[in-house]
């Protein structure tokens, strides 16, 4: 018997890892862009540094919901 157990569903694990990296990269990039935009606009309160990553998170949640819901077309 092998001491290592490989996960049965490597495709699902790969999808979750891909999603995690996309989320991390998206948040990091848009935090940086928010900083640049706030400096360029010269706002007193850093509003865009919060808004841009929030939009990324909302977009990724919509993507997860669409990817994980059962589609009736796929079942038929």
PDB file of N, CA and C in Angstrom:
ATOM      1  N   UNK A   1       0.823  -1.193   0.000  1.00  0.00           N
ATOM      2  CA  UNK A   1       0.000   0.000   0.000  1.00  0.00           C
ATOM      3  C   UNK A   1       0.866   1.256   0.000  1.00  0.00           C
ATOM      4  N   UNK A   2       0.439   2.193  -0.754  1.00  0.00           N
ATOM      5  CA  UNK A   2       1.154   3.451  -0.823  1.00  0.00           C
ATOM      6  C   UNK A   2       0.812   4.317   0.381  1.00  0.00           C
ATOM      7  N   UNK A   3       1.827   5.004   0.900  1.00  0.00           N
ATOM      8  CA  UNK A   3       1.605   5.855   2.067  1.00  0.00           C
ATOM      9  C   UNK A   3       0.943   7.169   1.666  1.00  0.00           C
ATOM     10  N   UNK A   4       1.128   7.549   0.416  1.00  0.00           N
ATOM     11  CA  UNK A   4       0.523   8.784  -0.049  1.00  0.00           C
ATOM     12  C   UNK A   4      -0.863   8.505  -0.616  1.00  0.00           C
ATOM     13  N   UNK A   5      -1.811   9.337  -0.230  1.00  0.00           N
ATOM     14  CA  UNK A   5      -3.160   9.225  -0.777  1.00  0.00           C
ATOM     15  C   UNK A   5      -3.408  10.439  -1.657  1.00  0.00           C
ATOM     16  N   UNK A   6      -3.680  10.193  -2.903  1.00  0.00           N
ATOM     17  CA  UNK A   6      -3.982  11.280  -3.821  1.00  0.00           C
ATOM     18  C   UNK A   6      -5.474  11.576  -3.758  1.00  0.00           C
ATOM     19  N   UNK A   7      -5.826  12.860  -3.799  1.00  0.00           N
ATOM     20  CA  UNK A   7      -7.255  13.183  -3.797  1.00  0.00           C
ATOM     21  C   UNK A   7      -7.936  12.617  -5.034  1.00  0.00           C
ATOM     22  N   UNK A   8      -9.154  12.151  -4.836  1.00  0.00           N
ATOM     23  CA  UNK A   8      -9.911  11.566  -5.937  1.00  0.00           C
ATOM     24  C   UNK A   8     -10.301  12.611  -6.969  1.00  0.00           C
ATOM     25  N   UNK A   9     -10.534  13.784  -6.496  1.00  0.00           N
ATOM     26  CA  UNK A   9     -11.055  14.804  -7.397  1.00  0.00           C
ATOM     27  C   UNK A   9     -10.016  15.909  -7.597  1.00  0.00           C
ATOM     28  N   UNK A  10      -8.983  15.619  -8.390  1.00  0.00           N
ATOM     29  CA  UNK A  10      -7.931  16.601  -8.640  1.00  0.00           C
ATOM     30  C   UNK A  10      -8.449  17.810  -9.408  1.00  0.00           C
ATOM     31  N   UNK A  11      -9.435  17.607 -10.244  1.00  0.00           N
ATOM     32  CA  UNK A  11      -9.986  18.711 -11.026  1.00  0.00           C
ATOM     33  C   UNK A  11     -10.617  19.761 -10.116  1.00  0.00           C
ATOM     34  N   UNK A  12     -11.351  19.323  -9.103  1.00  0.00           N
ATOM     35  CA  UNK A  12     -11.985  20.240  -8.162  1.00  0.00           C
ATOM     36  C   UNK A  12     -10.936  20.993  -7.347  1.00  0.00           C
ATOM     37  N   UNK A  13      -9.899  20.285  -6.924  1.00  0.00           N
ATOM     38  CA  UNK A  13      -8.819  20.917  -6.164  1.00  0.00           C
ATOM     39  C   UNK A  13      -8.120  21.971  -7.011  1.00  0.00           C
ATOM     40  N   UNK A  14      -7.882  21.655  -8.271  1.00  0.00           N
ATOM     41  CA  UNK A  14      -7.249  22.604  -9.179  1.00  0.00           C
ATOM     42  C   UNK A  14      -8.127  23.832  -9.381  1.00  0.00           C
ATOM     43  N   UNK A  15      -9.422  23.647  -9.477  1.00  0.00           N
ATOM     44  CA  UNK A  15     -10.335  24.786  -9.638  1.00  0.00           C
ATOM     45  C   UNK A  15     -10.300  25.698  -8.417  1.00  0.00           C
ATOM     46  N   UNK A  16     -10.277  25.105  -7.224  1.00  0.00           N
ATOM     47  CA  UNK A  16     -10.227  25.910  -5.998  1.00  0.00           C
ATOM     48  C   UNK A  16      -8.909  26.668  -5.884  1.00  0.00           C
ATOM     49  N   UNK A  17      -7.808  26.012  -6.232  1.00  0.00           N
ATOM     50  CA  UNK A  17      -6.511  26.685  -6.187  1.00  0.00           C
ATOM     51  C   UNK A  17      -6.449  27.816  -7.207  1.00  0.00           C
ATOM     52  N   UNK A  18      -6.997  27.584  -8.374  1.00  0.00           N
ATOM     53  CA  UNK A  18      -7.034  28.613  -9.407  1.00  0.00           C
ATOM     54  C   UNK A  18      -7.850  29.810  -8.936  1.00  0.00           C
ATOM     55  N   UNK A  19      -8.992  29.542  -8.339  1.00  0.00           N
ATOM     56  CA  UNK A  19      -9.838  30.618  -7.818  1.00  0.00           C
ATOM     57  C   UNK A  19      -9.106  31.408  -6.734  1.00  0.00           C
ATOM     58  N   UNK A  20      -8.412  30.711  -5.842  1.00  0.00           N
ATOM     59  CA  UNK A  20      -7.701  31.385  -4.753  1.00  0.00           C
ATOM     60  C   UNK A  20      -6.619  32.308  -5.298  1.00  0.00           C
ATOM     61  N   UNK A  21      -5.855  31.833  -6.270  1.00  0.00           N
ATOM     62  CA  UNK A  21      -4.800  32.671  -6.845  1.00  0.00           C
ATOM     63  C   UNK A  21      -5.384  33.855  -7.605  1.00  0.00           C
ATOM     64  N   UNK A  22      -6.477  33.650  -8.299  1.00  0.00           N
ATOM     65  CA  UNK A  22      -7.125  34.754  -8.999  1.00  0.00           C
ATOM     66  C   UNK A  22      -7.610  35.806  -8.010  1.00  0.00           C
ATOM     67  N   UNK A  23      -8.168  35.360  -6.906  1.00  0.00           N
ATOM     68  CA  UNK A  23      -8.662  36.289  -5.891  1.00  0.00           C
ATOM     69  C   UNK A  23      -7.513  37.078  -5.268  1.00  0.00           C
ATOM     70  N   UNK A  24      -6.442  36.399  -4.900  1.00  0.00           N
ATOM     71  CA  UNK A  24      -5.291  37.071  -4.291  1.00  0.00           C
ATOM     72  C   UNK A  24      -4.677  38.074  -5.262  1.00  0.00           C
ATOM     73  N   UNK A  25      -4.454  37.640  -6.510  1.00  0.00           N
ATOM     74  CA  UNK A  25      -3.848  38.529  -7.499  1.00  0.00           C
ATOM     75  C   UNK A  25      -4.767  39.714  -7.811  1.00  0.00           C
ATOM     76  N   UNK A  26      -6.059  39.452  -7.951  1.00  0.00           N
ATOM     77  CA  UNK A  26      -7.010  40.524  -8.242  1.00  0.00           C
ATOM     78  C   UNK A  26      -7.070  41.558  -7.144  1.00  0.00           C
ATOM     79  N   UNK A  27      -7.103  41.108  -5.909  1.00  0.00           N
ATOM     80  CA  UNK A  27      -7.158  42.046  -4.782  1.00  0.00           C
ATOM     81  C   UNK A  27      -5.869  42.857  -4.714  1.00  0.00           C
ATOM     82  N   UNK A  28      -4.721  42.191  -4.865  1.00  0.00           N
ATOM     83  CA  UNK A  28      -3.442  42.898  -4.787  1.00  0.00           C
ATOM     84  C   UNK A  28      -3.329  43.954  -5.890  1.00  0.00           C
ATOM     85  N   UNK A  29      -3.686  43.589  -7.104  1.00  0.00           N
ATOM     86  CA  UNK A  29      -3.585  44.522  -8.220  1.00  0.00           C
ATOM     87  C   UNK A  29      -4.518  45.710  -8.028  1.00  0.00           C
ATOM     88  N   UNK A  30      -5.751  45.444  -7.596  1.00  0.00           N
ATOM     89  CA  UNK A  30      -6.706  46.542  -7.471  1.00  0.00           C
ATOM     90  C   UNK A  30      -6.486  47.387  -6.223  1.00  0.00           C
ATOM     91  N   UNK A  31      -5.845  46.848  -5.201  1.00  0.00           N
ATOM     92  CA  UNK A  31      -5.434  47.695  -4.070  1.00  0.00           C
ATOM     93  C   UNK A  31      -4.375  48.684  -4.555  1.00  0.00           C
ATOM     94  N   UNK A  32      -3.420  48.169  -5.327  1.00  0.00           N
ATOM     95  CA  UNK A  32      -2.381  49.048  -5.870  1.00  0.00           C
ATOM     96  C   UNK A  32      -2.982  50.104  -6.799  1.00  0.00           C
ATOM     97  N   UNK A  33      -3.875  49.691  -7.691  1.00  0.00           N
ATOM     98  CA  UNK A  33      -4.518  50.651  -8.589  1.00  0.00           C
ATOM     99  C   UNK A  33      -5.357  51.662  -7.818  1.00  0.00           C
ATOM    100  N   UNK A  34      -5.996  51.214  -6.732  1.00  0.00           N
ATOM    101  CA  UNK A  34      -6.762  52.132  -5.892  1.00  0.00           C
ATOM    102  C   UNK A  34      -5.871  53.166  -5.231  1.00  0.00           C
ATOM    103  N   UNK A  35      -4.679  52.724  -4.796  1.00  0.00           N
ATOM    104  CA  UNK A  35      -3.720  53.675  -4.213  1.00  0.00           C
ATOM    105  C   UNK A  35      -3.297  54.706  -5.241  1.00  0.00           C
ATOM    106  N   UNK A  36      -2.980  54.239  -6.444  1.00  0.00           N
ATOM    107  CA  UNK A  36      -2.571  55.168  -7.498  1.00  0.00           C
ATOM    108  C   UNK A  36      -3.696  56.138  -7.864  1.00  0.00           C
ATOM    109  N   UNK A  37      -4.912  55.628  -7.957  1.00  0.00           N
ATOM    110  CA  UNK A  37      -6.048  56.474  -8.318  1.00  0.00           C
ATOM    111  C   UNK A  37      -6.328  57.512  -7.230  1.00  0.00           C
ATOM    112  N   UNK A  38      -6.229  57.100  -5.964  1.00  0.00           N
ATOM    113  CA  UNK A  38      -6.448  58.051  -4.873  1.00  0.00           C
ATOM    114  C   UNK A  38      -5.383  59.140  -4.859  1.00  0.00           C
ATOM    115  N   UNK A  39      -4.141  58.771  -5.155  1.00  0.00           N
ATOM    116  CA  UNK A  39      -3.077  59.775  -5.226  1.00  0.00           C
ATOM    117  C   UNK A  39      -3.280  60.706  -6.416  1.00  0.00           C
ATOM    118  N   UNK A  40      -3.717  60.148  -7.536  1.00  0.00           N
ATOM    119  CA  UNK A  40      -3.912  60.949  -8.738  1.00  0.00           C
ATOM    120  C   UNK A  40      -5.062  61.941  -8.568  1.00  0.00           C
ATOM    121  N   UNK A  41      -6.162  61.466  -7.937  1.00  0.00           N
ATOM    122  CA  UNK A  41      -7.319  62.334  -7.710  1.00  0.00           C
ATOM    123  C   UNK A  41      -7.076  63.265  -6.517  1.00  0.00           C
ATOM    124  N   UNK A  42      -6.162  62.877  -5.641  1.00  0.00           N
ATOM    125  CA  UNK A  42      -5.815  63.647  -4.436  1.00  0.00           C
ATOM    126  C   UNK A  42      -7.002  63.760  -3.482  1.00  0.00           C
ATOM    127  N   UNK A  43      -7.580  62.592  -3.170  1.00  0.00           N
ATOM    128  CA  UNK A  43      -8.690  62.576  -2.225  1.00  0.00           C
ATOM    129  C   UNK A  43      -8.156  62.620  -0.793  1.00  0.00           C
ATOM    130  N   UNK A  44      -8.947  63.192   0.105  1.00  0.00           N
ATOM    131  CA  UNK A  44      -8.551  63.241   1.518  1.00  0.00           C
ATOM    132  C   UNK A  44      -8.725  61.878   2.177  1.00  0.00           C
ATOM    133  N   UNK A  45      -9.795  61.196   1.802  1.00  0.00           N
ATOM    134  CA  UNK A  45     -10.013  59.850   2.331  1.00  0.00           C
ATOM    135  C   UNK A  45      -9.757  58.844   1.212  1.00  0.00           C
ATOM    136  N   UNK A  46      -9.011  57.795   1.499  1.00  0.00           N
ATOM    137  CA  UNK A  46      -8.692  56.808   0.448  1.00  0.00           C
ATOM    138  C   UNK A  46      -9.894  55.921   0.119  1.00  0.00           C
ATOM    139  N   UNK A  47     -10.758  56.429  -0.719  1.00  0.00           N
ATOM    140  CA  UNK A  47     -11.991  55.724  -1.049  1.00  0.00           C
ATOM    141  C   UNK A  47     -11.771  54.614  -2.072  1.00  0.00           C
ATOM    142  N   UNK A  48     -11.031  54.902  -3.118  1.00  0.00           N
ATOM    143  CA  UNK A  48     -10.869  53.932  -4.203  1.00  0.00           C
ATOM    144  C   UNK A  48     -10.034  52.718  -3.799  1.00  0.00           C
ATOM    145  N   UNK A  49      -9.180  52.874  -2.803  1.00  0.00           N
ATOM    146  CA  UNK A  49      -8.399  51.742  -2.328  1.00  0.00           C
ATOM    147  C   UNK A  49      -9.305  50.694  -1.668  1.00  0.00           C
ATOM    148  N   UNK A  50     -10.500  51.104  -1.266  1.00  0.00           N
ATOM    149  CA  UNK A  50     -11.485  50.178  -0.711  1.00  0.00           C
ATOM    150  C   UNK A  50     -12.481  49.703  -1.761  1.00  0.00           C
ATOM    151  N   UNK A  51     -12.862  50.592  -2.662  1.00  0.00           N
ATOM    152  CA  UNK A  51     -13.901  50.276  -3.641  1.00  0.00           C
ATOM    153  C   UNK A  51     -13.403  49.262  -4.677  1.00  0.00           C
ATOM    154  N   UNK A  52     -12.198  49.461  -5.213  1.00  0.00           N
ATOM    155  CA  UNK A  52     -11.700  48.571  -6.262  1.00  0.00           C
ATOM    156  C   UNK A  52     -11.597  47.110  -5.796  1.00  0.00           C
ATOM    157  N   UNK A  53     -10.959  46.813  -4.647  1.00  0.00           N
ATOM    158  CA  UNK A  53     -10.919  45.409  -4.204  1.00  0.00           C
ATOM    159  C   UNK A  53     -12.302  44.849  -3.870  1.00  0.00           C
ATOM    160  N   UNK A  54     -13.186  45.708  -3.386  1.00  0.00           N
ATOM    161  CA  UNK A  54     -14.544  45.258  -3.102  1.00  0.00           C
ATOM    162  C   UNK A  54     -15.245  44.804  -4.374  1.00  0.00           C
ATOM    163  N   UNK A  55     -15.030  45.526  -5.469  1.00  0.00           N
ATOM    164  CA  UNK A  55     -15.599  45.123  -6.749  1.00  0.00           C
ATOM    165  C   UNK A  55     -15.020  43.791  -7.221  1.00  0.00           C
ATOM    166  N   UNK A  56     -13.736  43.571  -6.969  1.00  0.00           N
ATOM    167  CA  UNK A  56     -13.113  42.286  -7.321  1.00  0.00           C
ATOM    168  C   UNK A  56     -13.754  41.155  -6.529  1.00  0.00           C
ATOM    169  N   UNK A  57     -13.943  41.362  -5.243  1.00  0.00           N
ATOM    170  CA  UNK A  57     -14.539  40.320  -4.392  1.00  0.00           C
ATOM    171  C   UNK A  57     -15.972  40.028  -4.834  1.00  0.00           C
ATOM    172  N   UNK A  58     -16.746  41.058  -5.129  1.00  0.00           N
ATOM    173  CA  UNK A  58     -18.119  40.855  -5.590  1.00  0.00           C
ATOM    174  C   UNK A  58     -18.129  40.100  -6.908  1.00  0.00           C
ATOM    175  N   UNK A  59     -17.248  40.486  -7.813  1.00  0.00           N
ATOM    176  CA  UNK A  59     -17.163  39.796  -9.098  1.00  0.00           C
ATOM    177  C   UNK A  59     -16.770  38.333  -8.956  1.00  0.00           C
ATOM    178  N   UNK A  60     -15.835  38.051  -8.068  1.00  0.00           N
ATOM    179  CA  UNK A  60     -15.411  36.663  -7.859  1.00  0.00           C
ATOM    180  C   UNK A  60     -16.524  35.843  -7.195  1.00  0.00           C
ATOM    181  N   UNK A  61     -17.288  36.455  -6.317  1.00  0.00           N
ATOM    182  CA  UNK A  61     -18.400  35.733  -5.699  1.00  0.00           C
ATOM    183  C   UNK A  61     -19.464  35.405  -6.739  1.00  0.00           C
ATOM    184  N   UNK A  62     -19.735  36.330  -7.639  1.00  0.00           N
ATOM    185  CA  UNK A  62     -20.681  36.065  -8.724  1.00  0.00           C
ATOM    186  C   UNK A  62     -20.174  34.920  -9.585  1.00  0.00           C
ATOM    187  N   UNK A  63     -18.878  34.915  -9.861  1.00  0.00           N
ATOM    188  CA  UNK A  63     -18.276  33.833 -10.656  1.00  0.00           C
ATOM    189  C   UNK A  63     -18.428  32.489  -9.954  1.00  0.00           C
ATOM    190  N   UNK A  64     -18.184  32.452  -8.650  1.00  0.00           N
ATOM    191  CA  UNK A  64     -18.311  31.204  -7.893  1.00  0.00           C
ATOM    192  C   UNK A  64     -19.751  30.714  -7.914  1.00  0.00           C
ATOM    193  N   UNK A  65     -20.686  31.618  -7.725  1.00  0.00           N
ATOM    194  CA  UNK A  65     -22.095  31.226  -7.723  1.00  0.00           C
ATOM    195  C   UNK A  65     -22.497  30.671  -9.078  1.00  0.00           C
ATOM    196  N   UNK A  66     -22.074  31.325 -10.148  1.00  0.00           N
ATOM    197  CA  UNK A  66     -22.405  30.837 -11.489  1.00  0.00           C
ATOM    198  C   UNK A  66     -21.744  29.494 -11.782  1.00  0.00           C
ATOM    199  N   UNK A  67     -20.511  29.311 -11.332  1.00  0.00           N
ATOM    200  CA  UNK A  67     -19.788  28.067 -11.613  1.00  0.00           C
ATOM    201  C   UNK A  67     -20.295  26.886 -10.792  1.00  0.00           C
ATOM    202  N   UNK A  68     -20.840  27.150  -9.615  1.00  0.00           N
ATOM    203  CA  UNK A  68     -21.240  26.056  -8.738  1.00  0.00           C
ATOM    204  C   UNK A  68     -22.722  25.721  -8.780  1.00  0.00           C
ATOM    205  N   UNK A  69     -23.531  26.569  -9.383  1.00  0.00           N
ATOM    206  CA  UNK A  69     -24.960  26.246  -9.444  1.00  0.00           C
ATOM    207  C   UNK A  69     -25.188  25.169 -10.503  1.00  0.00           C
ATOM    208  N   UNK A  70     -26.158  24.341 -10.241  1.00  0.00           N
ATOM    209  CA  UNK A  70     -26.519  23.294 -11.194  1.00  0.00           C
ATOM    210  C   UNK A  70     -27.279  23.907 -12.347  1.00  0.00           C
ATOM    211  N   UNK A  71     -26.764  23.664 -13.523  1.00  0.00           N
ATOM    212  CA  UNK A  71     -27.424  24.181 -14.716  1.00  0.00           C
ATOM    213  C   UNK A  71     -28.327  23.101 -15.281  1.00  0.00           C
ATOM    214  N   UNK A  72     -29.557  23.462 -15.620  1.00  0.00           N
ATOM    215  CA  UNK A  72     -30.512  22.485 -16.140  1.00  0.00           C
ATOM    216  C   UNK A  72     -30.096  21.992 -17.522  1.00  0.00           C
ATOM    217  N   UNK A  73     -29.390  22.820 -18.282  1.00  0.00           N
ATOM    218  CA  UNK A  73     -28.934  22.399 -19.600  1.00  0.00           C
ATOM    219  C   UNK A  73     -27.900  21.287 -19.520  1.00  0.00           C
ATOM    220  N   UNK A  74     -27.044  21.322 -18.486  1.00  0.00           N
ATOM    221  CA  UNK A  74     -26.027  20.297 -18.325  1.00  0.00           C
ATOM    222  C   UNK A  74     -26.617  18.961 -17.875  1.00  0.00           C
ATOM    223  N   UNK A  75     -27.718  19.005 -17.148  1.00  0.00           N
ATOM    224  CA  UNK A  75     -28.319  17.786 -16.615  1.00  0.00           C
ATOM    225  C   UNK A  75     -29.082  17.013 -17.686  1.00  0.00           C
ATOM    226  N   UNK A  76     -29.612  17.708 -18.685  1.00  0.00           N
ATOM    227  CA  UNK A  76     -30.428  17.048 -19.707  1.00  0.00           C
ATOM    228  C   UNK A  76     -29.601  16.243 -20.679  1.00  0.00           C
TER     229      UNK A  76
END
